[in-house]
């Protein structure tokens, strides 16, 4: 029997016994629903007994699951207003630390500054299936934050705790093939964020052939709920277009003939974990699994989307921008023609301008935090990859043409360099890139030297809200 299932059954049993101790069964929310939930949360924070606390936590989460959207908004507002730090305790701790800077006063200051909702969330996590409901709760919170930025303080507490609960040490890597349980396979179809899976036949083409692999990362407390899944194609070289991998007409190869493993789709499955880092070197873990099975593999690379490129490029079409030359800007105006990619002459003109623009986007444009603006780039560079190649019209699906004008990127995972690349990126903000990519940027600079001095470079934060993996 699955160990997690045994543990879950044990928690259910304890919670039931705790509910008997409380004489506290679930009832429909009364008219004073939020007031009742506030009192229950205060009660949970004051309890010492784990059995009764587990039952009460389960009751609170069940009430939240059954509540309407307006009540959920009120619940988050309650967490913000009623469950922050205790002001009186915090003031005393500050004064004590000012009077005596000792380890004891510092420890009390740290404890007093912690919002009470952090401990509340910890205790809610004691409930059977508590972590799954808390992930759904944060998913609702992220939606609410679009219209109420004050809730960022509540999200900071969820993010702080989730960063510990979902670090790489807790994740389990599991190979997925066509024989996997149907409910897991259905979730791969549902959660696929990069290249849509149309039906079960298409899913089988991605899982069943000898030259295909798929892996999922699971958390022990989220049974049959993948956090991330990675789709891999075994090839003889690094592909430059997605059609090479997903075309129905492609000819599969024998796994032992492959020299390259190409990661062509990496998807986050849980919206409630958006922005939570699962740690670096996730891809290295998949690489090690592949090498154990296929020791002849020599090259590990990705074929990755560039989800924010079109939006950034549109912002740089202003003549005041310094990222593009006047000539490149004029060439890129051709992207506005509906059939631009069908005409060879137009295609060549666009290619000559768009590849240097993509190199600038990846190598030089930064967020306000000094990181590359592209979320997929941040993930792979943080995992120790090298920016290897930029591919023109590599994905001509409607979605990719909207997001990136069809441009895709190869990131190379060279095993001897992963740690050094990771350190260069994390410690110095350096994007390690192949010479061919850097030459694109040098060509751009050569053009710009003949132009007037540009305005300061714009910094644009990515607002990608899809499930493509971000870090």
Protein backbone atom coordinates (compact mmCIF):
# COMPACT_ATOMS: atom_id res chain seq x y z
CA UNK A 1 0.00 0.00 0.00
CA UNK A 2 1.17 3.55 -0.70
CA UNK A 3 2.86 5.07 2.37
CA UNK A 4 1.22 8.46 1.78
CA UNK A 5 -2.18 6.77 1.63
CA UNK A 6 -1.54 5.06 4.99
CA UNK A 7 -0.46 8.37 6.51
CA UNK A 8 -3.54 10.13 5.08
CA UNK A 9 -5.86 7.48 6.50
CA UNK A 10 -4.18 7.87 9.89
CA UNK A 11 -4.75 11.65 9.82
CA UNK A 12 -8.39 11.12 8.91
CA UNK A 13 -8.81 8.79 11.89
CA UNK A 14 -7.18 11.25 14.30
CA UNK A 15 -9.32 14.09 12.96
CA UNK A 16 -12.52 12.07 13.44
CA UNK A 17 -11.59 11.30 17.03
CA UNK A 18 -10.72 14.95 17.58
CA UNK A 19 -14.10 15.99 16.25
CA UNK A 20 -15.77 13.72 18.80
CA UNK A 21 -13.73 15.39 21.52
CA UNK A 22 -14.91 18.77 20.26
CA UNK A 23 -18.50 17.67 19.62
CA UNK A 24 -17.91 19.91 16.61
CA UNK A 25 -19.28 18.62 13.33
CA UNK A 26 -19.51 20.62 10.14
CA UNK A 27 -22.60 22.80 9.75
CA UNK A 28 -23.60 25.11 6.88
CA UNK A 29 -22.21 28.63 7.21
CA UNK A 30 -24.53 30.79 9.33
CA UNK A 31 -25.48 34.34 8.39
CA UNK A 32 -22.44 35.55 10.33
CA UNK A 33 -20.23 33.23 8.24
CA UNK A 34 -16.99 35.22 8.34
CA UNK A 35 -17.42 36.04 12.01
CA UNK A 36 -17.86 32.34 12.71
CA UNK A 37 -14.72 31.52 10.71
CA UNK A 38 -12.76 34.21 12.55
CA UNK A 39 -13.78 32.72 15.90
CA UNK A 40 -12.85 29.24 14.67
CA UNK A 41 -9.42 30.49 13.53
CA UNK A 42 -8.81 32.16 16.90
CA UNK A 43 -9.86 28.93 18.59
CA UNK A 44 -7.43 26.95 16.44
CA UNK A 45 -4.53 29.25 17.36
CA UNK A 46 -5.31 28.92 21.08
CA UNK A 47 -5.51 25.09 21.14
CA UNK A 48 -2.75 22.81 22.38
CA UNK A 49 -4.25 19.39 21.64
CA UNK A 50 -3.27 18.05 18.22
CA UNK A 51 -6.30 15.80 17.74
CA UNK A 52 -8.83 18.54 18.43
CA UNK A 53 -6.69 21.03 16.49
CA UNK A 54 -6.62 18.73 13.48
CA UNK A 55 -10.40 18.37 13.58
CA UNK A 56 -10.93 22.12 13.91
CA UNK A 57 -8.48 22.82 11.05
CA UNK A 58 -10.38 20.36 8.86
CA UNK A 59 -13.65 22.07 9.72
CA UNK A 60 -12.31 25.52 8.81
CA UNK A 61 -10.99 24.27 5.47
CA UNK A 62 -14.26 22.49 4.72
CA UNK A 63 -16.16 25.71 5.40
CA UNK A 64 -13.79 27.58 3.07
CA UNK A 65 -14.21 24.97 0.31
CA UNK A 66 -18.00 25.34 0.46
CA UNK A 67 -18.05 29.12 0.68
CA UNK A 68 -19.05 31.47 -2.13
CA UNK A 69 -16.59 33.77 -3.89
CA UNK A 70 -17.60 36.84 -1.85
CA UNK A 71 -17.08 34.91 1.39
CA UNK A 72 -13.65 33.81 0.16
CA UNK A 73 -12.73 37.43 -0.47
CA UNK A 74 -13.91 38.34 3.01
CA UNK A 75 -11.87 35.46 4.46
CA UNK A 76 -8.66 36.83 2.90
CA UNK A 77 -9.49 40.34 4.10
CA UNK A 78 -9.96 38.86 7.57
CA UNK A 79 -6.52 37.22 7.42
CA UNK A 80 -5.04 40.58 6.41
CA UNK A 81 -6.77 42.70 9.05
CA UNK A 82 -7.17 40.35 12.03
CA UNK A 83 -4.23 37.96 11.86
CA UNK A 84 -1.20 40.18 11.37
CA UNK A 85 1.47 40.63 14.06
CA UNK A 86 0.28 41.35 17.60
CA UNK A 87 0.98 45.15 17.83
CA UNK A 88 1.40 45.19 21.61
CA UNK A 89 3.79 42.24 21.65
CA UNK A 90 5.76 43.72 18.75
CA UNK A 91 6.15 47.10 20.46
CA UNK A 92 7.43 45.44 23.63
CA UNK A 93 9.86 43.30 21.63
CA UNK A 94 11.22 46.36 19.81
CA UNK A 95 11.75 48.22 23.07
CA UNK A 96 13.39 45.20 24.69
CA UNK A 97 15.78 44.79 21.75
CA UNK A 98 16.67 48.48 21.84
CA UNK A 99 17.47 48.14 25.52
CA UNK A 100 19.46 44.91 25.22
CA UNK A 101 20.68 43.48 21.92
CA UNK A 102 20.97 39.87 22.97
CA UNK A 103 20.10 36.58 21.23
CA UNK A 104 17.05 36.28 23.50
CA UNK A 105 15.60 39.73 22.66
CA UNK A 106 16.37 39.20 18.97
CA UNK A 107 14.54 35.85 19.02
CA UNK A 108 11.51 37.47 20.67
CA UNK A 109 11.58 40.33 18.14
CA UNK A 110 11.61 37.83 15.29
CA UNK A 111 8.71 35.86 16.80
CA UNK A 112 6.68 39.01 17.51
CA UNK A 113 7.14 40.34 13.97
CA UNK A 114 5.76 37.15 12.41
CA UNK A 115 2.11 37.60 11.37
CA UNK A 116 -0.23 35.32 13.32
CA UNK A 117 -1.65 34.07 10.02
CA UNK A 118 1.60 32.19 9.38
CA UNK A 119 1.00 30.01 12.42
CA UNK A 120 -2.65 29.75 11.43
CA UNK A 121 -1.67 28.44 7.98
CA UNK A 122 0.72 25.96 9.60
CA UNK A 123 -2.07 24.63 11.81
CA UNK A 124 -4.52 24.46 8.90
CA UNK A 125 -1.97 22.29 7.15
CA UNK A 126 -2.44 19.68 9.92
CA UNK A 127 -5.89 18.81 8.56
CA UNK A 128 -6.26 15.74 6.34
CA UNK A 129 -5.60 16.91 2.75
CA UNK A 130 -4.84 20.30 4.25
CA UNK A 131 -2.00 21.15 1.91
CA UNK A 132 -4.16 20.51 -1.17
CA UNK A 133 -6.83 22.92 0.09
CA UNK A 134 -4.20 25.54 0.98
CA UNK A 135 -2.86 25.37 -2.58
CA UNK A 136 -6.41 25.97 -3.87
CA UNK A 137 -6.74 28.79 -1.35
CA UNK A 138 -3.64 30.53 -2.65
CA UNK A 139 -4.91 30.08 -6.22
CA UNK A 140 -8.04 32.03 -5.23
CA UNK A 141 -5.86 34.58 -3.42
CA UNK A 142 -3.77 35.25 -6.54
CA UNK A 143 -6.96 35.99 -8.48
CA UNK A 144 -8.15 38.36 -5.75
CA UNK A 145 -4.84 40.22 -5.73
CA UNK A 146 -5.55 41.50 -9.25
CA UNK A 147 -8.07 43.92 -7.73
CA UNK A 148 -6.66 44.24 -4.19
CA UNK A 149 -2.89 44.69 -3.95
CA UNK A 150 -3.08 44.96 -0.15
CA UNK A 151 -3.49 41.18 -0.13
CA UNK A 152 0.14 40.85 -1.20
CA UNK A 153 0.96 40.80 2.52
CA UNK A 154 -1.15 37.64 2.91
CA UNK A 155 0.41 36.10 -0.18
CA UNK A 156 3.88 36.78 1.23
CA UNK A 157 3.02 34.49 4.15
CA UNK A 158 1.66 31.73 1.91
CA UNK A 159 4.76 32.03 -0.32
CA UNK A 160 7.12 31.90 2.66
CA UNK A 161 5.59 28.68 3.95
CA UNK A 162 5.12 27.06 0.55
CA UNK A 163 8.78 27.76 -0.25
CA UNK A 164 9.68 25.41 2.62
CA UNK A 165 6.99 22.82 2.06
CA UNK A 166 7.63 22.45 -1.67
CA UNK A 167 11.41 22.59 -1.88
CA UNK A 168 13.17 20.04 -4.07
CA UNK A 169 14.01 17.78 -1.13
CA UNK A 170 10.31 16.88 -0.79
CA UNK A 171 9.62 16.30 -4.49
CA UNK A 172 9.51 12.81 -5.96
CA UNK A 173 10.49 12.30 -9.61
CA UNK A 174 8.35 9.65 -11.33
CA UNK A 175 8.54 8.38 -14.95
CA UNK A 176 5.17 8.56 -16.73
CA UNK A 177 4.28 6.29 -19.64
CA UNK A 178 1.14 5.11 -21.42
CA UNK A 179 0.50 2.53 -18.67
CA UNK A 180 0.21 5.21 -15.95
CA UNK A 181 -3.17 5.59 -14.17
CA UNK A 182 -5.82 7.25 -16.32
CA UNK A 183 -6.37 10.08 -13.83
CA UNK A 184 -2.68 11.05 -14.09
CA UNK A 185 -2.72 10.86 -17.91
CA UNK A 186 -5.83 13.03 -18.01
CA UNK A 187 -4.02 15.67 -15.96
CA UNK A 188 -1.14 15.74 -18.43
CA UNK A 189 -3.65 16.65 -21.16
CA UNK A 190 -5.29 19.25 -18.93
CA UNK A 191 -2.13 20.87 -17.60
CA UNK A 192 -0.04 20.91 -20.80
CA UNK A 193 0.90 24.60 -21.08
CA UNK A 194 3.31 24.82 -24.00
CA UNK A 195 2.05 22.58 -26.83
CA UNK A 196 -1.63 21.69 -26.50
CA UNK A 197 -2.56 18.01 -26.50
CA UNK A 198 -5.72 17.68 -28.56
CA UNK A 199 -6.89 14.22 -27.56
CA UNK A 200 -5.86 10.84 -26.15
CA UNK A 201 -4.37 9.73 -29.47
CA UNK A 202 -2.03 12.70 -29.45
CA UNK A 203 -1.10 11.99 -25.84
CA UNK A 204 -0.23 8.43 -26.79
CA UNK A 205 2.06 9.70 -29.56
CA UNK A 206 3.95 11.68 -26.91
CA UNK A 207 4.25 8.85 -24.40
CA UNK A 208 4.22 5.49 -26.15
CA UNK A 209 6.97 5.57 -28.84
CA UNK A 210 10.40 4.26 -27.93
CA UNK A 211 12.00 7.69 -28.49
CA UNK A 212 9.73 9.54 -26.04
CA UNK A 213 9.97 10.00 -22.28
CA UNK A 214 7.88 11.89 -19.71
CA UNK A 215 8.59 12.64 -16.05
CA UNK A 216 6.51 14.22 -13.32
CA UNK A 217 7.45 15.71 -9.96
CA UNK A 218 5.03 14.84 -7.15
CA UNK A 219 4.71 15.98 -3.54
CA UNK A 220 4.04 13.18 -1.00
CA UNK A 221 0.97 15.00 0.37
CA UNK A 222 -0.63 15.61 -3.05
CA UNK A 223 -1.53 12.13 -4.20
CA UNK A 224 -1.87 11.77 -8.00
CA UNK A 225 -1.47 15.55 -8.43
CA UNK A 226 1.69 16.34 -10.43
CA UNK A 227 3.40 19.63 -9.64
CA UNK A 228 5.53 19.72 -12.79
CA UNK A 229 5.81 17.43 -15.76
CA UNK A 230 8.58 17.31 -18.34
CA UNK A 231 8.19 15.90 -21.86
CA UNK A 232 11.36 14.62 -23.55
CA UNK A 233 12.15 13.64 -27.14
CA UNK A 234 15.11 11.39 -27.89
CA UNK A 235 16.77 12.67 -31.07
CA UNK A 236 20.02 12.55 -33.05
CA UNK A 237 20.62 16.32 -32.89
CA UNK A 238 19.27 19.46 -31.24
CA UNK A 239 16.00 20.30 -33.06
CA UNK A 240 15.33 23.76 -34.48
CA UNK A 241 11.55 23.50 -34.76
CA UNK A 242 8.73 21.87 -32.85
CA UNK A 243 7.36 20.19 -35.99
CA UNK A 244 10.46 17.95 -35.99
CA UNK A 245 9.25 16.53 -32.68
CA UNK A 246 5.45 16.59 -32.86
CA UNK A 247 4.59 16.00 -36.52
CA UNK A 248 2.34 12.97 -36.98
CA UNK A 249 4.44 12.06 -40.03
CA UNK A 250 7.73 11.88 -38.17
CA UNK A 251 9.62 8.58 -38.13
CA UNK A 252 10.45 7.39 -34.59
CA UNK A 253 14.01 6.23 -33.89
CA UNK A 254 15.31 3.53 -31.62
CA UNK A 255 16.13 4.81 -28.15
CA UNK A 256 19.65 3.37 -28.33
CA UNK A 257 20.32 5.36 -31.53
CA UNK A 258 19.60 8.69 -29.83
CA UNK A 259 22.46 10.99 -28.85
CA UNK A 260 20.34 13.93 -27.67
CA UNK A 261 17.55 14.34 -25.14
CA UNK A 262 15.41 17.37 -25.93
CA UNK A 263 13.11 18.82 -23.25
CA UNK A 264 10.32 20.33 -25.33
CA UNK A 265 7.59 20.96 -22.76
CA UNK A 266 7.91 21.79 -19.07
CA UNK A 267 4.65 22.71 -17.39
CA UNK A 268 3.57 23.86 -13.95
CA UNK A 269 0.40 22.01 -12.99
CA UNK A 270 -0.77 23.93 -9.92
CA UNK A 271 -1.82 27.58 -10.29
CA UNK A 272 -1.74 27.87 -6.51
CA UNK A 273 2.04 27.31 -6.63
CA UNK A 274 2.67 30.00 -9.23
CA UNK A 275 5.89 31.84 -8.42
CA UNK A 276 7.00 29.29 -5.81
CA UNK A 277 10.53 28.10 -6.51
CA UNK A 278 10.96 24.33 -6.29
CA UNK A 279 14.72 24.86 -6.15
CA UNK A 280 17.35 24.72 -8.85
CA UNK A 281 18.69 21.70 -10.71
CA UNK A 282 15.27 20.06 -11.31
CA UNK A 283 16.32 19.43 -14.92
CA UNK A 284 19.64 17.97 -13.77
CA UNK A 285 17.65 15.40 -11.79
CA UNK A 286 15.78 14.40 -14.97
CA UNK A 287 19.08 14.27 -16.87
CA UNK A 288 20.54 11.89 -14.31
CA UNK A 289 17.46 9.66 -14.59
CA UNK A 290 17.80 9.59 -18.40
CA UNK A 291 21.51 8.78 -18.25
CA UNK A 292 20.88 5.81 -15.98
CA UNK A 293 18.48 4.41 -18.59
CA UNK A 294 20.37 5.52 -21.72
CA UNK A 295 24.09 5.96 -20.96
CA UNK A 296 24.90 6.78 -24.62
CA UNK A 297 23.08 10.11 -24.47
CA UNK A 298 25.62 12.91 -24.92
CA UNK A 299 23.60 16.12 -25.34
CA UNK A 300 20.80 17.51 -23.18
CA UNK A 301 18.96 20.54 -24.51
CA UNK A 302 15.58 22.21 -24.65
CA UNK A 303 13.34 23.59 -27.35
CA UNK A 304 11.68 26.34 -25.37
CA UNK A 305 9.04 29.02 -25.98
CA UNK A 306 9.66 32.75 -25.65
CA UNK A 307 6.29 33.73 -24.14
CA UNK A 308 6.80 37.45 -23.56
CA UNK A 309 8.77 38.33 -26.69
CA UNK A 310 5.93 39.70 -28.85
CA UNK A 311 4.71 41.97 -26.06
CA UNK A 312 8.22 43.30 -25.44
CA UNK A 313 8.88 43.77 -29.17
CA UNK A 314 5.68 45.77 -29.57
CA UNK A 315 6.80 48.09 -26.76
CA UNK A 316 10.14 48.65 -28.54
CA UNK A 317 8.59 49.74 -31.86
CA UNK A 318 8.41 53.28 -30.51
CA UNK A 319 11.14 55.35 -32.27
CA UNK A 320 12.21 56.65 -28.85
CA UNK A 321 13.25 53.14 -27.84
CA UNK A 322 16.93 52.27 -28.00
CA UNK A 323 16.67 48.50 -28.48
CA UNK A 324 16.01 48.56 -32.25
CA UNK A 325 17.59 50.45 -35.12
CA UNK A 326 15.35 52.39 -37.51
CA UNK A 327 16.06 49.80 -40.21
CA UNK A 328 15.13 46.90 -37.96
CA UNK A 329 12.00 48.67 -36.82
CA UNK A 330 10.93 49.16 -40.43
CA UNK A 331 11.58 45.48 -41.20
CA UNK A 332 9.61 44.38 -38.15
CA UNK A 333 6.59 46.40 -39.23
CA UNK A 334 6.06 43.56 -41.71
CA UNK A 335 4.92 41.43 -38.76
CA UNK A 336 1.63 43.30 -38.98
CA UNK A 337 0.83 41.65 -42.32
CA UNK A 338 -1.39 38.60 -41.72
CA UNK A 339 0.47 36.34 -44.18
CA UNK A 340 4.02 37.60 -43.60
CA UNK A 341 5.41 34.15 -42.84
CA UNK A 342 4.15 32.72 -46.16
CA UNK A 343 6.18 35.02 -48.42
CA UNK A 344 9.89 34.02 -48.74
CA UNK A 345 11.14 37.59 -49.29
CA UNK A 346 9.17 39.01 -46.34
CA UNK A 347 10.25 36.08 -44.19
CA UNK A 348 13.94 36.73 -44.92
CA UNK A 349 13.58 40.44 -44.16
CA UNK A 350 11.88 39.73 -40.83
CA UNK A 351 14.41 37.04 -39.89
CA UNK A 352 17.35 39.43 -40.34
CA UNK A 353 15.77 41.85 -37.85
CA UNK A 354 13.99 39.59 -35.39
CA UNK A 355 16.91 37.34 -34.41
CA UNK A 356 19.09 40.25 -33.16
CA UNK A 357 16.01 41.62 -31.38
CA UNK A 358 15.49 38.26 -29.67
CA UNK A 359 19.17 38.18 -28.65
CA UNK A 360 18.81 41.65 -27.13
CA UNK A 361 15.62 40.56 -25.32
CA UNK A 362 17.35 37.54 -23.78
CA UNK A 363 20.81 38.96 -23.07
CA UNK A 364 20.27 42.59 -22.18
CA UNK A 365 16.70 43.35 -21.14
CA UNK A 366 16.14 43.06 -17.40
CA UNK A 367 13.33 43.26 -14.87
CA UNK A 368 13.44 45.75 -12.03
CA UNK A 369 15.15 43.02 -10.00
CA UNK A 370 17.94 42.74 -12.56
CA UNK A 371 16.86 39.35 -13.95
CA UNK A 372 16.11 38.40 -17.58
CA UNK A 373 12.60 39.46 -18.43
CA UNK A 374 11.61 36.12 -19.95
CA UNK A 375 10.25 33.66 -17.30
CA UNK A 376 11.31 30.54 -19.20
CA UNK A 377 14.82 31.95 -19.58
CA UNK A 378 14.98 32.63 -15.85
CA UNK A 379 14.05 29.02 -15.12
CA UNK A 380 16.61 27.39 -17.43
CA UNK A 381 19.43 29.80 -16.67
CA UNK A 382 18.76 29.35 -12.94
CA UNK A 383 18.98 25.59 -13.49
CA UNK A 384 22.44 25.98 -15.03
CA UNK A 385 21.71 25.93 -18.77
CA UNK A 386 23.50 27.89 -21.49
CA UNK A 387 21.60 29.97 -24.05
CA UNK A 388 22.56 27.98 -27.13
CA UNK A 389 20.51 29.01 -30.18
CA UNK A 390 17.60 31.20 -31.27
CA UNK A 391 15.35 29.58 -33.88
CA UNK A 392 13.27 31.54 -36.40
CA UNK A 393 9.69 30.35 -37.08
CA UNK A 394 10.27 27.27 -34.97
CA UNK A 395 6.63 27.10 -33.83
CA UNK A 396 3.94 28.38 -36.19
CA UNK A 397 0.95 27.50 -34.03
CA UNK A 398 -1.47 30.42 -33.53
CA UNK A 399 -0.51 30.73 -29.88
CA UNK A 400 3.25 30.82 -30.56
CA UNK A 401 2.82 33.34 -33.38
CA UNK A 402 0.94 35.61 -30.95
CA UNK A 403 3.42 35.21 -28.11
CA UNK A 404 6.76 35.16 -29.92
CA UNK A 405 6.17 35.48 -33.70
CA UNK A 406 7.18 31.82 -33.85
CA UNK A 407 10.64 32.23 -32.28
CA UNK A 408 11.89 29.44 -30.02
CA UNK A 409 15.11 28.95 -28.06
CA UNK A 410 17.50 26.07 -27.39
CA UNK A 411 19.05 25.98 -23.91
CA UNK A 412 21.93 23.54 -23.52
CA UNK A 413 22.56 21.59 -20.32
CA UNK A 414 26.27 20.73 -20.48
CA UNK A 415 26.78 18.53 -17.45
CA UNK A 416 30.27 19.74 -16.56
CA UNK A 417 29.14 23.38 -16.64
CA UNK A 418 25.73 23.32 -14.93
CA UNK A 419 26.92 24.39 -11.48
CA UNK A 420 29.24 27.10 -12.86
CA UNK A 421 26.51 28.48 -15.12
CA UNK A 422 24.07 28.49 -12.22
CA UNK A 423 26.52 30.39 -10.01
CA UNK A 424 27.24 32.92 -12.77
CA UNK A 425 23.53 33.59 -13.15
CA UNK A 426 22.56 33.65 -9.48
CA UNK A 427 25.59 35.45 -8.08
CA UNK A 428 26.44 37.86 -10.92
CA UNK A 429 23.30 37.98 -13.06
CA UNK A 430 25.31 36.70 -16.03
CA UNK A 431 23.54 34.99 -18.92
CA UNK A 432 25.92 32.33 -20.25
CA UNK A 433 25.40 32.19 -24.01
CA UNK A 434 26.91 30.48 -27.04
CA UNK A 435 29.12 32.52 -29.37
CA UNK A 436 26.50 32.36 -32.16
CA UNK A 437 23.94 34.10 -29.94
CA UNK A 438 26.46 36.73 -28.85
CA UNK A 439 27.35 37.41 -32.48
CA UNK A 440 23.72 38.33 -33.12
CA UNK A 441 24.02 40.92 -30.39
CA UNK A 442 27.33 42.22 -31.72
CA UNK A 443 25.77 42.68 -35.16
CA UNK A 444 23.03 44.72 -33.52
CA UNK A 445 25.57 46.89 -31.73
CA UNK A 446 27.47 47.50 -34.96
CA UNK A 447 24.28 48.87 -36.53
CA UNK A 448 23.50 51.00 -33.48
CA UNK A 449 26.96 52.63 -33.37
CA UNK A 450 25.99 54.61 -36.47
CA UNK A 451 22.76 55.83 -34.85
CA UNK A 452 22.12 58.63 -32.33
CA UNK A 453 22.55 57.69 -28.67
CA UNK A 454 19.43 55.75 -27.53
CA UNK A 455 17.16 56.52 -24.62
CA UNK A 456 17.77 54.47 -21.42
CA UNK A 457 16.70 50.88 -21.81
CA UNK A 458 13.18 50.05 -20.67
CA UNK A 459 12.60 47.54 -17.92
CA UNK A 460 9.42 45.55 -18.26
CA UNK A 461 8.20 43.05 -15.71
CA UNK A 462 6.74 39.86 -17.13
CA UNK A 463 3.06 39.46 -16.32
CA UNK A 464 2.72 35.96 -17.72
CA UNK A 465 -0.16 34.24 -15.94
CA UNK A 466 -0.14 30.92 -17.79
CA UNK A 467 1.16 27.61 -16.58
CA UNK A 468 4.45 27.66 -18.50
CA UNK A 469 7.11 26.94 -15.97
CA UNK A 470 8.52 30.00 -14.29
CA UNK A 471 10.89 30.46 -11.45
